């Protein structure tokens, strides 16, 4: 899904508005394993995934990578607290496949919010979606069994097991790779 298609699916922008909005974004093809944001650095861009998949993760006290979220096609991604508060990021943001990414700086985004009332609506819709995803993830870890978390992940990301290393999936689900393997074996 292109950024233009995504924006039009949420808000009724005129062609003139859409052209102006899109002119503020930068489109790039970026290789697999590229880290877009490093922990401790300020995230300067909001990204939209046109093609590819990415994750944000942090290092726990043992230095182990813990995946918080995945971002597939048609999703915005960033280290949100870092981007909006201009503070050091808690997370790394890494591309897991060769990707096509469209991005915008906070300054440009703020200009668009000032210029177009419809952009404020878009921002509200996106903020609601991102907050909902985080709450769903917290609830899943707290209240669901490992099997239920795995099944929910597959509804969100149906082809993820073919695109992402199992270690990343296990850490996202809050389980060991062994537990993930047992769950996957039961599903076959």
N, C-alpha and C. Protein backbone atom coordinates (compact mmCIF):
# COMPACT_ATOMS: atom_id res chain seq x y z
N UNK A 1 0.84 -1.18 0.00
CA UNK A 1 0.00 0.00 0.00
C UNK A 1 0.88 1.24 0.00
N UNK A 2 0.58 2.17 -0.87
CA UNK A 2 1.36 3.41 -0.92
C UNK A 2 0.86 4.36 0.16
N UNK A 3 1.68 5.34 0.47
CA UNK A 3 1.28 6.35 1.45
C UNK A 3 0.04 7.10 0.96
N UNK A 4 -0.01 7.45 -0.32
CA UNK A 4 -1.17 8.16 -0.86
C UNK A 4 -2.45 7.34 -0.66
N UNK A 5 -2.40 6.05 -0.95
CA UNK A 5 -3.58 5.19 -0.77
C UNK A 5 -3.98 5.13 0.70
N UNK A 6 -3.00 5.03 1.57
CA UNK A 6 -3.27 4.96 3.00
C UNK A 6 -3.94 6.24 3.49
N UNK A 7 -3.37 7.39 3.11
CA UNK A 7 -3.93 8.67 3.56
C UNK A 7 -5.37 8.85 3.07
N UNK A 8 -5.61 8.52 1.79
CA UNK A 8 -6.96 8.66 1.23
C UNK A 8 -7.95 7.69 1.88
N UNK A 9 -7.47 6.56 2.37
CA UNK A 9 -8.37 5.60 3.01
C UNK A 9 -8.87 6.10 4.37
N UNK A 10 -8.15 7.03 4.98
CA UNK A 10 -8.52 7.52 6.30
C UNK A 10 -9.20 8.89 6.27
N UNK A 11 -8.74 9.75 5.38
CA UNK A 11 -9.22 11.13 5.36
C UNK A 11 -9.49 11.53 3.91
N UNK A 12 -10.53 12.29 3.69
CA UNK A 12 -10.92 12.72 2.35
C UNK A 12 -10.12 13.96 1.93
N UNK A 13 -8.85 13.75 1.59
CA UNK A 13 -8.02 14.85 1.11
C UNK A 13 -8.34 15.13 -0.35
N UNK A 14 -8.31 16.42 -0.74
CA UNK A 14 -8.43 16.76 -2.16
C UNK A 14 -7.11 16.37 -2.83
N UNK A 15 -7.12 16.28 -4.15
CA UNK A 15 -5.89 15.94 -4.88
C UNK A 15 -4.80 16.99 -4.63
N UNK A 16 -5.20 18.25 -4.56
CA UNK A 16 -4.24 19.34 -4.32
C UNK A 16 -3.62 19.20 -2.93
N UNK A 17 -4.45 18.93 -1.93
CA UNK A 17 -3.94 18.73 -0.56
C UNK A 17 -3.00 17.53 -0.51
N UNK A 18 -3.43 16.45 -1.12
CA UNK A 18 -2.63 15.22 -1.10
C UNK A 18 -1.28 15.43 -1.78
N UNK A 19 -1.25 16.11 -2.89
CA UNK A 19 0.00 16.39 -3.59
C UNK A 19 0.93 17.21 -2.72
N UNK A 20 0.39 18.22 -2.06
CA UNK A 20 1.22 19.05 -1.17
C UNK A 20 1.73 18.25 0.02
N UNK A 21 0.86 17.47 0.61
CA UNK A 21 1.25 16.66 1.78
C UNK A 21 2.37 15.69 1.39
N UNK A 22 2.18 14.97 0.29
CA UNK A 22 3.17 13.98 -0.13
C UNK A 22 4.51 14.61 -0.50
N UNK A 23 4.51 15.86 -0.93
CA UNK A 23 5.77 16.54 -1.29
C UNK A 23 6.66 16.78 -0.07
N UNK A 24 6.10 16.63 1.12
CA UNK A 24 6.87 16.81 2.35
C UNK A 24 7.51 15.52 2.85
N UNK A 25 7.21 14.42 2.20
CA UNK A 25 7.75 13.12 2.57
C UNK A 25 8.92 12.75 1.67
N UNK A 26 9.81 11.95 2.21
CA UNK A 26 10.97 11.44 1.46
C UNK A 26 10.80 9.93 1.29
N UNK A 27 10.91 9.44 0.06
CA UNK A 27 10.76 8.01 -0.24
C UNK A 27 12.14 7.40 -0.46
N UNK A 28 12.41 6.25 0.17
CA UNK A 28 13.72 5.60 0.06
C UNK A 28 13.56 4.09 -0.01
N UNK A 29 14.47 3.46 -0.73
CA UNK A 29 14.62 2.01 -0.67
C UNK A 29 15.79 1.75 0.27
N UNK A 30 15.54 0.97 1.31
CA UNK A 30 16.54 0.76 2.35
C UNK A 30 16.76 -0.74 2.53
N UNK A 31 18.02 -1.17 2.64
CA UNK A 31 18.29 -2.61 2.73
C UNK A 31 17.93 -3.21 4.10
N UNK A 32 17.73 -4.51 4.05
CA UNK A 32 17.49 -5.33 5.23
C UNK A 32 18.57 -5.07 6.28
N UNK A 33 18.18 -5.15 7.54
CA UNK A 33 19.05 -5.01 8.72
C UNK A 33 19.49 -3.58 9.01
N UNK A 34 18.99 -2.61 8.25
CA UNK A 34 19.32 -1.22 8.52
C UNK A 34 18.61 -0.78 9.81
N UNK A 35 19.36 -0.13 10.69
CA UNK A 35 18.79 0.41 11.91
C UNK A 35 18.48 1.89 11.64
N UNK A 36 17.19 2.23 11.72
CA UNK A 36 16.75 3.59 11.44
C UNK A 36 16.87 4.50 12.66
N UNK A 37 16.71 3.91 13.83
CA UNK A 37 16.79 4.65 15.09
C UNK A 37 17.59 3.80 16.07
N UNK A 38 18.50 4.44 16.78
CA UNK A 38 19.28 3.74 17.81
C UNK A 38 18.80 4.15 19.19
N UNK A 39 18.85 3.19 20.10
CA UNK A 39 18.50 3.47 21.48
C UNK A 39 19.43 4.58 22.00
N UNK A 40 18.85 5.55 22.69
CA UNK A 40 19.64 6.65 23.24
C UNK A 40 19.78 7.84 22.31
N UNK A 41 19.40 7.69 21.05
CA UNK A 41 19.45 8.79 20.08
C UNK A 41 18.03 9.33 19.87
N UNK A 42 17.93 10.55 19.42
CA UNK A 42 16.62 11.14 19.15
C UNK A 42 16.13 10.69 17.78
N UNK A 43 14.91 10.22 17.73
CA UNK A 43 14.28 9.80 16.47
C UNK A 43 13.80 11.05 15.75
N UNK A 44 14.34 11.31 14.59
CA UNK A 44 14.05 12.55 13.87
C UNK A 44 12.99 12.42 12.78
N UNK A 45 12.50 11.18 12.53
CA UNK A 45 11.56 10.99 11.43
C UNK A 45 10.42 10.04 11.84
N UNK A 46 9.27 10.27 11.23
CA UNK A 46 8.15 9.35 11.31
C UNK A 46 8.15 8.60 9.99
N UNK A 47 8.09 7.28 10.04
CA UNK A 47 8.23 6.43 8.86
C UNK A 47 6.91 5.75 8.51
N UNK A 48 6.72 5.52 7.21
CA UNK A 48 5.60 4.74 6.72
C UNK A 48 6.18 3.62 5.87
N UNK A 49 5.74 2.39 6.12
CA UNK A 49 6.24 1.22 5.40
C UNK A 49 5.37 0.97 4.18
N UNK A 50 5.92 1.20 3.00
CA UNK A 50 5.21 0.84 1.77
C UNK A 50 5.48 -0.61 1.41
N UNK A 51 6.70 -1.07 1.63
CA UNK A 51 7.06 -2.46 1.37
C UNK A 51 8.11 -2.87 2.40
N UNK A 52 7.92 -4.05 2.98
CA UNK A 52 8.88 -4.55 3.95
C UNK A 52 8.25 -4.77 5.31
N UNK A 53 9.11 -5.06 6.27
CA UNK A 53 8.67 -5.24 7.65
C UNK A 53 9.80 -4.79 8.56
N UNK A 54 9.42 -4.24 9.71
CA UNK A 54 10.41 -3.73 10.65
C UNK A 54 9.97 -4.09 12.07
N UNK A 55 10.83 -3.81 13.00
CA UNK A 55 10.50 -4.03 14.41
C UNK A 55 11.14 -2.93 15.23
N UNK A 56 10.56 -2.69 16.42
CA UNK A 56 11.29 -1.91 17.40
C UNK A 56 11.61 -2.85 18.56
N UNK A 57 12.79 -2.65 19.13
CA UNK A 57 13.24 -3.53 20.21
C UNK A 57 14.13 -2.75 21.16
N UNK A 58 14.32 -3.33 22.32
CA UNK A 58 15.24 -2.76 23.31
C UNK A 58 16.15 -3.87 23.81
N UNK A 59 17.21 -3.48 24.49
CA UNK A 59 18.11 -4.44 25.10
C UNK A 59 17.79 -4.51 26.59
N UNK A 60 17.54 -5.73 27.09
CA UNK A 60 17.27 -5.85 28.52
C UNK A 60 18.57 -5.79 29.31
N UNK A 61 18.50 -5.96 30.61
CA UNK A 61 19.68 -5.81 31.46
C UNK A 61 20.76 -6.84 31.15
N UNK A 62 20.39 -7.96 30.51
CA UNK A 62 21.35 -8.98 30.11
C UNK A 62 21.89 -8.75 28.70
N UNK A 63 21.44 -7.67 28.07
CA UNK A 63 21.88 -7.39 26.70
C UNK A 63 21.10 -8.16 25.64
N UNK A 64 20.01 -8.81 26.04
CA UNK A 64 19.18 -9.58 25.11
C UNK A 64 18.19 -8.64 24.42
N UNK A 65 17.99 -8.84 23.10
CA UNK A 65 17.04 -8.04 22.34
C UNK A 65 15.61 -8.49 22.63
N UNK A 66 14.76 -7.54 22.99
CA UNK A 66 13.35 -7.81 23.25
C UNK A 66 12.52 -7.00 22.25
N UNK A 67 11.82 -7.69 21.38
CA UNK A 67 11.00 -7.03 20.36
C UNK A 67 9.69 -6.57 20.99
N UNK A 68 9.40 -5.26 20.81
CA UNK A 68 8.15 -4.72 21.34
C UNK A 68 7.04 -4.81 20.31
N UNK A 69 7.29 -4.33 19.07
CA UNK A 69 6.26 -4.31 18.03
C UNK A 69 6.87 -4.61 16.67
N UNK A 70 6.03 -5.11 15.77
CA UNK A 70 6.38 -5.24 14.36
C UNK A 70 5.59 -4.21 13.57
N UNK A 71 6.14 -3.79 12.43
CA UNK A 71 5.48 -2.84 11.56
C UNK A 71 5.56 -3.38 10.14
N UNK A 72 4.42 -3.70 9.55
CA UNK A 72 4.38 -4.21 8.19
C UNK A 72 3.89 -3.16 7.22
N UNK A 73 3.63 -3.59 6.00
CA UNK A 73 3.16 -2.69 4.97
C UNK A 73 1.90 -1.95 5.39
N UNK A 74 1.86 -0.67 5.04
CA UNK A 74 0.68 0.12 5.34
C UNK A 74 0.60 0.60 6.77
N UNK A 75 1.74 0.65 7.45
CA UNK A 75 1.77 1.11 8.85
C UNK A 75 2.81 2.20 9.04
N UNK A 76 2.46 3.15 9.91
CA UNK A 76 3.44 4.14 10.35
C UNK A 76 4.25 3.53 11.47
N UNK A 77 5.50 3.96 11.59
CA UNK A 77 6.36 3.48 12.66
C UNK A 77 7.32 4.58 13.06
N UNK A 78 7.74 4.51 14.30
CA UNK A 78 8.70 5.47 14.84
C UNK A 78 8.99 5.05 16.27
N UNK A 79 9.93 5.72 16.88
CA UNK A 79 10.06 5.66 18.32
C UNK A 79 9.26 6.86 18.79
N UNK A 80 7.97 6.65 19.02
CA UNK A 80 7.02 7.75 19.15
C UNK A 80 7.37 8.76 20.24
N UNK A 81 7.72 8.27 21.43
CA UNK A 81 8.03 9.22 22.50
C UNK A 81 9.24 10.06 22.14
N UNK A 82 10.19 9.46 21.46
CA UNK A 82 11.38 10.19 21.03
C UNK A 82 11.05 11.19 19.94
N UNK A 83 10.26 10.78 18.97
CA UNK A 83 9.90 11.65 17.84
C UNK A 83 9.11 12.87 18.31
N UNK A 84 8.06 12.64 19.07
CA UNK A 84 7.19 13.75 19.46
C UNK A 84 7.74 14.58 20.60
N UNK A 85 8.48 13.98 21.51
CA UNK A 85 9.04 14.72 22.64
C UNK A 85 10.47 15.18 22.41
N UNK A 86 11.05 14.75 21.28
CA UNK A 86 12.44 15.05 20.94
C UNK A 86 13.38 14.68 22.10
N UNK A 87 13.17 13.45 22.57
CA UNK A 87 13.96 12.90 23.68
C UNK A 87 14.66 11.62 23.21
N UNK A 88 15.68 11.17 23.92
CA UNK A 88 16.38 9.94 23.51
C UNK A 88 15.43 8.74 23.44
N UNK A 89 15.60 7.95 22.41
CA UNK A 89 14.74 6.78 22.19
C UNK A 89 15.07 5.65 23.16
N UNK A 90 14.04 5.01 23.61
CA UNK A 90 14.18 3.81 24.44
C UNK A 90 14.45 2.59 23.57
N UNK A 91 14.13 2.71 22.27
CA UNK A 91 14.15 1.57 21.37
C UNK A 91 15.07 1.76 20.18
N UNK A 92 15.41 0.63 19.58
CA UNK A 92 16.00 0.57 18.24
C UNK A 92 14.84 0.36 17.27
N UNK A 93 14.97 0.86 16.06
CA UNK A 93 14.01 0.60 14.99
C UNK A 93 14.79 0.02 13.83
N UNK A 94 14.50 -1.25 13.49
CA UNK A 94 15.30 -2.00 12.52
C UNK A 94 14.43 -2.58 11.41
N UNK A 95 14.93 -2.50 10.18
CA UNK A 95 14.25 -3.12 9.04
C UNK A 95 14.65 -4.58 8.97
N UNK A 96 13.67 -5.46 8.81
CA UNK A 96 13.94 -6.90 8.76
C UNK A 96 13.94 -7.44 7.33
N UNK A 97 13.56 -6.61 6.38
CA UNK A 97 13.58 -6.96 4.96
C UNK A 97 14.04 -5.74 4.17
N UNK A 98 14.47 -5.98 2.93
CA UNK A 98 14.68 -4.85 2.04
C UNK A 98 13.33 -4.13 1.96
N UNK A 99 13.35 -2.80 2.12
CA UNK A 99 12.10 -2.08 2.32
C UNK A 99 12.02 -0.81 1.50
N UNK A 100 10.79 -0.38 1.26
CA UNK A 100 10.52 0.95 0.71
C UNK A 100 9.84 1.72 1.84
N UNK A 101 10.48 2.80 2.24
CA UNK A 101 10.05 3.59 3.39
C UNK A 101 9.82 5.03 2.94
N UNK A 102 8.75 5.62 3.44
CA UNK A 102 8.47 7.03 3.20
C UNK A 102 8.49 7.71 4.57
N UNK A 103 9.19 8.85 4.68
CA UNK A 103 9.34 9.45 6.00
C UNK A 103 9.20 10.96 5.96
N UNK A 104 8.95 11.51 7.15
CA UNK A 104 8.79 12.96 7.30
C UNK A 104 9.40 13.38 8.63
N UNK A 105 9.94 14.60 8.66
CA UNK A 105 10.50 15.13 9.91
C UNK A 105 9.36 15.70 10.76
N UNK A 106 9.63 15.90 12.03
CA UNK A 106 8.64 16.50 12.93
C UNK A 106 8.31 17.92 12.50
N UNK A 107 9.32 18.65 12.07
CA UNK A 107 9.09 20.03 11.64
C UNK A 107 8.12 20.09 10.46
N UNK A 108 8.33 19.24 9.48
CA UNK A 108 7.44 19.19 8.31
C UNK A 108 6.03 18.73 8.71
N UNK A 109 5.97 17.73 9.59
CA UNK A 109 4.67 17.24 10.03
C UNK A 109 3.91 18.34 10.77
N UNK A 110 4.59 19.07 11.63
CA UNK A 110 3.94 20.18 12.36
C UNK A 110 3.43 21.25 11.39
N UNK A 111 4.20 21.53 10.33
CA UNK A 111 3.74 22.49 9.32
C UNK A 111 2.45 22.01 8.65
N UNK A 112 2.39 20.71 8.36
CA UNK A 112 1.19 20.16 7.74
C UNK A 112 0.00 20.19 8.70
N UNK A 113 0.25 19.94 9.98
CA UNK A 113 -0.83 20.04 10.97
C UNK A 113 -1.37 21.47 11.02
N UNK A 114 -0.49 22.44 10.94
CA UNK A 114 -0.91 23.85 10.94
C UNK A 114 -1.64 24.22 9.65
N UNK A 115 -1.22 23.68 8.55
CA UNK A 115 -1.76 24.04 7.24
C UNK A 115 -3.11 23.40 6.97
N UNK A 116 -3.29 22.15 7.39
CA UNK A 116 -4.50 21.41 7.04
C UNK A 116 -5.19 20.85 8.29
N UNK A 117 -6.42 21.27 8.49
CA UNK A 117 -7.20 20.74 9.61
C UNK A 117 -7.38 19.22 9.48
N UNK A 118 -7.48 18.75 8.24
CA UNK A 118 -7.65 17.31 8.01
C UNK A 118 -6.44 16.51 8.49
N UNK A 119 -5.26 17.13 8.52
CA UNK A 119 -4.07 16.44 9.03
C UNK A 119 -4.19 16.20 10.53
N UNK A 120 -4.83 17.11 11.23
CA UNK A 120 -5.05 16.91 12.66
C UNK A 120 -5.95 15.69 12.88
N UNK A 121 -6.96 15.55 12.03
CA UNK A 121 -7.83 14.37 12.11
C UNK A 121 -7.01 13.11 11.85
N UNK A 122 -6.16 13.14 10.82
CA UNK A 122 -5.30 12.00 10.52
C UNK A 122 -4.42 11.68 11.72
N UNK A 123 -3.82 12.70 12.31
CA UNK A 123 -2.96 12.49 13.48
C UNK A 123 -3.71 11.85 14.63
N UNK A 124 -4.93 12.30 14.86
CA UNK A 124 -5.74 11.73 15.94
C UNK A 124 -6.05 10.26 15.66
N UNK A 125 -6.41 9.95 14.41
CA UNK A 125 -6.71 8.55 14.05
C UNK A 125 -5.48 7.66 14.21
N UNK A 126 -4.32 8.16 13.78
CA UNK A 126 -3.09 7.37 13.90
C UNK A 126 -2.67 7.19 15.35
N UNK A 127 -2.79 8.25 16.14
CA UNK A 127 -2.43 8.15 17.56
C UNK A 127 -3.33 7.14 18.26
N UNK A 128 -4.61 7.16 17.94
CA UNK A 128 -5.55 6.20 18.53
C UNK A 128 -5.18 4.78 18.15
N UNK A 129 -4.84 4.57 16.86
CA UNK A 129 -4.46 3.22 16.41
C UNK A 129 -3.19 2.74 17.11
N UNK A 130 -2.18 3.61 17.19
CA UNK A 130 -0.92 3.21 17.82
C UNK A 130 -1.10 2.93 19.30
N UNK A 131 -1.88 3.76 20.00
CA UNK A 131 -2.13 3.54 21.41
C UNK A 131 -2.88 2.22 21.62
N UNK A 132 -3.85 1.95 20.76
CA UNK A 132 -4.61 0.71 20.85
C UNK A 132 -3.69 -0.50 20.69
N UNK A 133 -2.75 -0.44 19.74
CA UNK A 133 -1.81 -1.56 19.53
C UNK A 133 -0.97 -1.81 20.77
N UNK A 134 -0.50 -0.74 21.39
CA UNK A 134 0.34 -0.89 22.58
C UNK A 134 -0.49 -1.49 23.73
N UNK A 135 -1.70 -1.01 23.92
CA UNK A 135 -2.56 -1.54 24.99
C UNK A 135 -2.89 -3.01 24.73
N UNK A 136 -3.18 -3.36 23.47
CA UNK A 136 -3.45 -4.76 23.14
C UNK A 136 -2.25 -5.64 23.46
N UNK A 137 -1.05 -5.14 23.16
CA UNK A 137 0.17 -5.92 23.44
C UNK A 137 0.34 -6.12 24.95
N UNK A 138 0.14 -5.07 25.73
CA UNK A 138 0.26 -5.17 27.19
C UNK A 138 -0.78 -6.15 27.72
N UNK A 139 -2.01 -6.03 27.26
CA UNK A 139 -3.07 -6.94 27.72
C UNK A 139 -2.76 -8.39 27.34
N UNK A 140 -2.23 -8.60 26.16
CA UNK A 140 -1.89 -9.96 25.72
C UNK A 140 -0.84 -10.57 26.64
N UNK A 141 0.20 -9.81 26.93
CA UNK A 141 1.26 -10.33 27.80
C UNK A 141 0.72 -10.63 29.20
N UNK A 142 -0.18 -9.77 29.70
CA UNK A 142 -0.69 -9.94 31.06
C UNK A 142 -1.77 -11.00 31.19
N UNK A 143 -2.63 -11.12 30.19
CA UNK A 143 -3.84 -11.91 30.39
C UNK A 143 -4.00 -13.13 29.49
N UNK A 144 -3.22 -13.25 28.43
CA UNK A 144 -3.41 -14.36 27.50
C UNK A 144 -2.36 -15.45 27.70
N UNK A 145 -2.74 -16.66 27.34
CA UNK A 145 -1.79 -17.75 27.35
C UNK A 145 -0.83 -17.58 26.18
N UNK A 146 0.25 -18.33 26.19
CA UNK A 146 1.21 -18.29 25.09
C UNK A 146 0.53 -18.65 23.77
N UNK A 147 -0.33 -19.66 23.79
CA UNK A 147 -1.06 -20.08 22.59
C UNK A 147 -1.95 -18.95 22.08
N UNK A 148 -2.67 -18.29 22.97
CA UNK A 148 -3.56 -17.19 22.57
C UNK A 148 -2.76 -16.02 21.99
N UNK A 149 -1.62 -15.71 22.58
CA UNK A 149 -0.78 -14.62 22.06
C UNK A 149 -0.30 -14.95 20.65
N UNK A 150 0.10 -16.19 20.44
CA UNK A 150 0.57 -16.61 19.12
C UNK A 150 -0.57 -16.50 18.08
N UNK A 151 -1.75 -16.97 18.43
CA UNK A 151 -2.87 -16.92 17.50
C UNK A 151 -3.27 -15.47 17.19
N UNK A 152 -3.24 -14.61 18.18
CA UNK A 152 -3.56 -13.21 17.96
C UNK A 152 -2.52 -12.57 17.02
N UNK A 153 -1.24 -12.88 17.25
CA UNK A 153 -0.19 -12.35 16.39
C UNK A 153 -0.43 -12.74 14.94
N UNK A 154 -0.86 -13.98 14.71
CA UNK A 154 -1.11 -14.44 13.34
C UNK A 154 -2.29 -13.72 12.70
N UNK A 155 -3.26 -13.26 13.49
CA UNK A 155 -4.35 -12.48 12.91
C UNK A 155 -3.85 -11.09 12.52
N UNK A 156 -2.91 -10.55 13.27
CA UNK A 156 -2.35 -9.23 12.98
C UNK A 156 -1.34 -9.29 11.83
N UNK A 157 -0.52 -10.32 11.81
CA UNK A 157 0.56 -10.48 10.83
C UNK A 157 0.53 -11.90 10.28
N UNK A 158 -0.37 -12.19 9.35
CA UNK A 158 -0.58 -13.58 8.87
C UNK A 158 0.67 -14.26 8.31
N UNK A 159 1.56 -13.52 7.65
CA UNK A 159 2.72 -14.16 7.02
C UNK A 159 4.02 -13.91 7.78
N UNK A 160 3.92 -13.51 9.03
CA UNK A 160 5.11 -13.12 9.78
C UNK A 160 6.10 -14.26 9.98
N UNK A 161 5.61 -15.48 10.14
CA UNK A 161 6.53 -16.59 10.41
C UNK A 161 7.42 -16.92 9.21
N UNK A 162 7.04 -16.42 8.02
CA UNK A 162 7.87 -16.62 6.83
C UNK A 162 8.82 -15.45 6.59
N UNK A 163 8.63 -14.37 7.31
CA UNK A 163 9.37 -13.14 7.03
C UNK A 163 10.31 -12.71 8.15
N UNK A 164 10.09 -13.21 9.35
CA UNK A 164 10.81 -12.71 10.52
C UNK A 164 11.46 -13.89 11.25
N UNK A 165 12.71 -13.73 11.70
CA UNK A 165 13.35 -14.80 12.47
C UNK A 165 12.53 -15.18 13.71
N UNK A 166 12.49 -16.47 14.00
CA UNK A 166 11.68 -16.96 15.12
C UNK A 166 12.11 -16.37 16.46
N UNK A 167 13.38 -16.06 16.61
CA UNK A 167 13.85 -15.44 17.86
C UNK A 167 13.18 -14.10 18.11
N UNK A 168 13.00 -13.31 17.06
CA UNK A 168 12.30 -12.02 17.18
C UNK A 168 10.83 -12.23 17.55
N UNK A 169 10.22 -13.24 16.93
CA UNK A 169 8.81 -13.53 17.21
C UNK A 169 8.65 -13.98 18.66
N UNK A 170 9.52 -14.87 19.11
CA UNK A 170 9.44 -15.36 20.49
C UNK A 170 9.57 -14.21 21.49
N UNK A 171 10.53 -13.32 21.26
CA UNK A 171 10.69 -12.21 22.21
C UNK A 171 9.49 -11.27 22.16
N UNK A 172 8.91 -11.06 20.98
CA UNK A 172 7.70 -10.25 20.85
C UNK A 172 6.55 -10.86 21.67
N UNK A 173 6.44 -12.18 21.63
CA UNK A 173 5.37 -12.88 22.33
C UNK A 173 5.66 -13.10 23.81
N UNK A 174 6.87 -12.77 24.24
CA UNK A 174 7.23 -12.94 25.65
C UNK A 174 7.40 -14.39 26.04
N UNK A 175 8.02 -15.19 25.15
CA UNK A 175 8.22 -16.61 25.43
C UNK A 175 9.57 -17.05 24.87
N UNK A 176 9.99 -18.23 25.25
CA UNK A 176 11.24 -18.78 24.73
C UNK A 176 11.00 -19.33 23.32
N UNK A 177 12.10 -19.52 22.60
CA UNK A 177 11.98 -20.12 21.27
C UNK A 177 11.46 -21.55 21.36
N UNK A 178 11.81 -22.24 22.43
CA UNK A 178 11.35 -23.61 22.61
C UNK A 178 9.83 -23.65 22.75
N UNK A 179 9.29 -22.74 23.57
CA UNK A 179 7.83 -22.67 23.74
C UNK A 179 7.16 -22.34 22.41
N UNK A 180 7.72 -21.38 21.67
CA UNK A 180 7.19 -21.02 20.37
C UNK A 180 7.21 -22.22 19.42
N UNK A 181 8.28 -22.98 19.43
CA UNK A 181 8.38 -24.16 18.56
C UNK A 181 7.30 -25.18 18.90
N UNK A 182 7.06 -25.39 20.20
CA UNK A 182 6.01 -26.35 20.61
C UNK A 182 4.63 -25.88 20.14
N UNK A 183 4.35 -24.59 20.28
CA UNK A 183 3.06 -24.04 19.85
C UNK A 183 2.91 -24.19 18.34
N UNK A 184 3.94 -23.86 17.60
CA UNK A 184 3.88 -23.96 16.14
C UNK A 184 3.70 -25.40 15.71
N UNK A 185 4.34 -26.35 16.39
CA UNK A 185 4.24 -27.77 16.04
C UNK A 185 2.78 -28.25 16.24
N UNK A 186 2.12 -27.76 17.30
CA UNK A 186 0.72 -28.13 17.56
C UNK A 186 -0.21 -27.61 16.48
N UNK A 187 0.15 -26.46 15.86
CA UNK A 187 -0.70 -25.84 14.84
C UNK A 187 -0.60 -26.56 13.50
N UNK A 188 0.46 -27.32 13.27
CA UNK A 188 0.66 -27.98 11.96
C UNK A 188 -0.26 -29.14 11.75
